[in-house]
Protein backbone atom coordinates (compact mmCIF):
# COMPACT_ATOMS: atom_id res chain seq x y z
CA UNK A 1 7.82 23.23 1.23
CA UNK A 2 10.35 25.49 -0.47
CA UNK A 3 11.28 22.70 -2.89
CA UNK A 4 7.62 21.98 -3.68
CA UNK A 5 6.98 25.69 -4.24
CA UNK A 6 10.06 26.16 -6.40
CA UNK A 7 9.17 23.22 -8.64
CA UNK A 8 5.53 24.24 -9.05
CA UNK A 9 6.53 27.84 -9.81
CA UNK A 10 9.19 26.80 -12.32
CA UNK A 11 6.99 24.31 -14.14
CA UNK A 12 3.55 25.89 -13.85
CA UNK A 13 3.75 29.40 -12.39
CA UNK A 14 1.84 28.29 -9.27
CA UNK A 15 2.81 28.31 -5.61
CA UNK A 16 1.85 25.44 -3.31
CA UNK A 17 -0.78 27.73 -1.81
CA UNK A 18 -2.20 28.47 -5.28
CA UNK A 19 -2.29 24.74 -5.98
CA UNK A 20 -4.04 24.09 -2.67
CA UNK A 21 -6.78 26.64 -3.42
CA UNK A 22 -7.32 25.28 -6.93
CA UNK A 23 -7.54 21.75 -5.52
CA UNK A 24 -10.11 22.75 -2.87
CA UNK A 25 -12.20 24.37 -5.59
CA UNK A 26 -11.89 21.38 -7.93
CA UNK A 27 -13.15 19.06 -5.20
CA UNK A 28 -16.09 21.32 -4.25
CA UNK A 29 -19.61 21.04 -5.68
CA UNK A 30 -19.88 23.18 -8.84
CA UNK A 31 -16.16 23.92 -8.38
CA UNK A 32 -16.95 26.84 -6.07
CA UNK A 33 -16.55 27.73 -2.41
CA UNK A 34 -17.36 30.79 -0.33
CA UNK A 35 -14.38 33.03 0.31
CA UNK A 36 -14.83 32.50 4.06
CA UNK A 37 -14.62 28.73 3.54
CA UNK A 38 -11.40 29.08 1.57
CA UNK A 39 -9.92 31.27 4.29
CA UNK A 40 -10.77 28.61 6.88
CA UNK A 41 -9.51 25.69 4.77
CA UNK A 42 -6.21 27.38 3.94
CA UNK A 43 -5.78 28.84 7.43
CA UNK A 44 -5.29 32.28 5.91
CA UNK A 45 -6.92 35.47 7.11
CA UNK A 46 -9.77 36.84 5.02
CA UNK A 47 -7.44 39.54 3.69
CA UNK A 48 -4.75 36.93 2.95
CA UNK A 49 -7.13 34.74 0.99
CA UNK A 50 -8.46 37.82 -0.83
CA UNK A 51 -4.93 38.70 -2.02
CA UNK A 52 -4.35 35.10 -3.10
CA UNK A 53 -7.66 35.00 -4.96
CA UNK A 54 -6.90 38.34 -6.64
CA UNK A 55 -3.80 36.82 -8.23
CA UNK A 56 -5.64 33.70 -9.37
CA UNK A 57 -8.47 35.81 -10.82
CA UNK A 58 -5.93 37.97 -12.70
CA UNK A 59 -4.45 34.77 -14.15
CA UNK A 60 -7.88 33.58 -15.29
CA UNK A 61 -7.68 30.46 -13.13
CA UNK A 62 -10.67 31.33 -10.96
CA UNK A 63 -13.50 33.84 -11.01
CA UNK A 64 -15.49 35.61 -8.34
CA UNK A 65 -19.20 34.83 -8.22
CA UNK A 66 -21.78 36.75 -6.20
CA UNK A 67 -24.31 34.88 -4.08
CA UNK A 68 -27.86 35.30 -5.38
CA UNK A 69 -29.38 35.15 -1.90
CA UNK A 70 -26.90 37.14 0.20
CA UNK A 71 -24.91 40.10 -1.14
CA UNK A 72 -22.42 39.74 1.73
CA UNK A 73 -21.28 36.34 0.45
CA UNK A 74 -19.00 35.88 -2.53
CA UNK A 75 -17.65 32.70 -4.02
CA UNK A 76 -14.48 31.71 -5.80
CA UNK A 77 -15.15 29.38 -8.73
CA UNK A 78 -12.56 27.40 -10.65
CA UNK A 79 -12.56 28.17 -14.37
CA UNK A 80 -11.95 25.56 -17.05
CA UNK A 81 -8.52 27.10 -17.59
CA UNK A 82 -7.84 26.76 -13.86
CA UNK A 83 -8.94 23.14 -13.86
CA UNK A 84 -6.59 22.30 -16.73
CA UNK A 85 -3.73 24.14 -15.01
CA UNK A 86 -4.41 22.14 -11.84
CA UNK A 87 -4.40 18.85 -13.78
CA UNK A 88 -1.07 19.73 -15.38
CA UNK A 89 0.46 20.81 -12.09
CA UNK A 90 -0.83 17.71 -10.28
CA UNK A 91 1.68 15.36 -11.82
CA UNK A 92 4.56 17.68 -10.94
CA UNK A 93 3.29 18.09 -7.38
CA UNK A 94 2.77 14.38 -6.72
CA UNK A 95 6.17 13.55 -8.22
CA UNK A 96 7.82 16.18 -6.01
CA UNK A 97 6.08 14.88 -2.87
CA UNK A 98 7.28 11.39 -3.66
CA UNK A 99 10.84 12.49 -4.26
CA UNK A 100 11.11 14.95 -1.35
CA UNK A 101 9.13 13.10 1.34
CA UNK A 102 7.80 9.64 0.58
CA UNK A 103 11.03 8.05 -0.66
CA UNK A 104 12.27 8.14 2.94
CA UNK A 105 9.59 5.68 4.10
CA UNK A 106 8.61 2.11 3.37
CA UNK A 107 5.15 1.32 1.99
CA UNK A 108 4.05 0.13 5.44
CA UNK A 109 5.31 3.33 7.07
CA UNK A 110 3.46 5.46 4.51
CA UNK A 111 0.23 3.58 5.25
CA UNK A 112 0.77 4.03 8.99
CA UNK A 113 1.55 7.72 8.55
CA UNK A 114 -1.60 8.19 6.46
CA UNK A 115 -3.66 6.44 9.11
CA UNK A 116 -2.22 8.57 11.91
CA UNK A 117 -2.58 11.85 10.03
CA UNK A 118 -6.14 10.87 9.08
CA UNK A 119 -7.09 11.16 12.75
CA UNK A 120 -6.23 14.85 12.92
CA UNK A 121 -9.04 17.42 13.01
CA UNK A 122 -9.98 18.53 9.52
CA UNK A 123 -8.51 15.47 7.83
CA UNK A 124 -10.74 14.23 5.05
CA UNK A 125 -9.57 10.84 3.87
CA UNK A 126 -11.75 10.95 0.75
CA UNK A 127 -9.90 13.90 -0.75
CA UNK A 128 -6.88 13.49 -2.95
CA UNK A 129 -3.77 15.55 -3.71
CA UNK A 130 -4.82 15.75 -7.36
CA UNK A 131 -8.00 15.83 -9.42
CA UNK A 132 -7.06 12.54 -11.11
């Protein structure tokens, strides 16, 4: 993970955790998710996800959106700038994953690994590592 982080930071100014949040938002309807949902998906505390979101808001990559029906709920929404940043970072991230992890396995082993990991709770086989 340190290598993935270092390469994303050097090339795009994003950590792996930043990338993960942007990807969750890109894959969500209307590119937005409730803050509580992001905390659950990222396995961060509410305060941890709030700090992460604060940095992404300051960078203009996401914005906070209030819920019309419930003032206690707030959403994080991916901006167009954030979406473009995610697209750019995606190629770097996928290349790094291939070089750091996947090159150690045959094609058959990668398929088997994907199948096994797909059984884990929370695994969603329809989601991708990029928005492409």
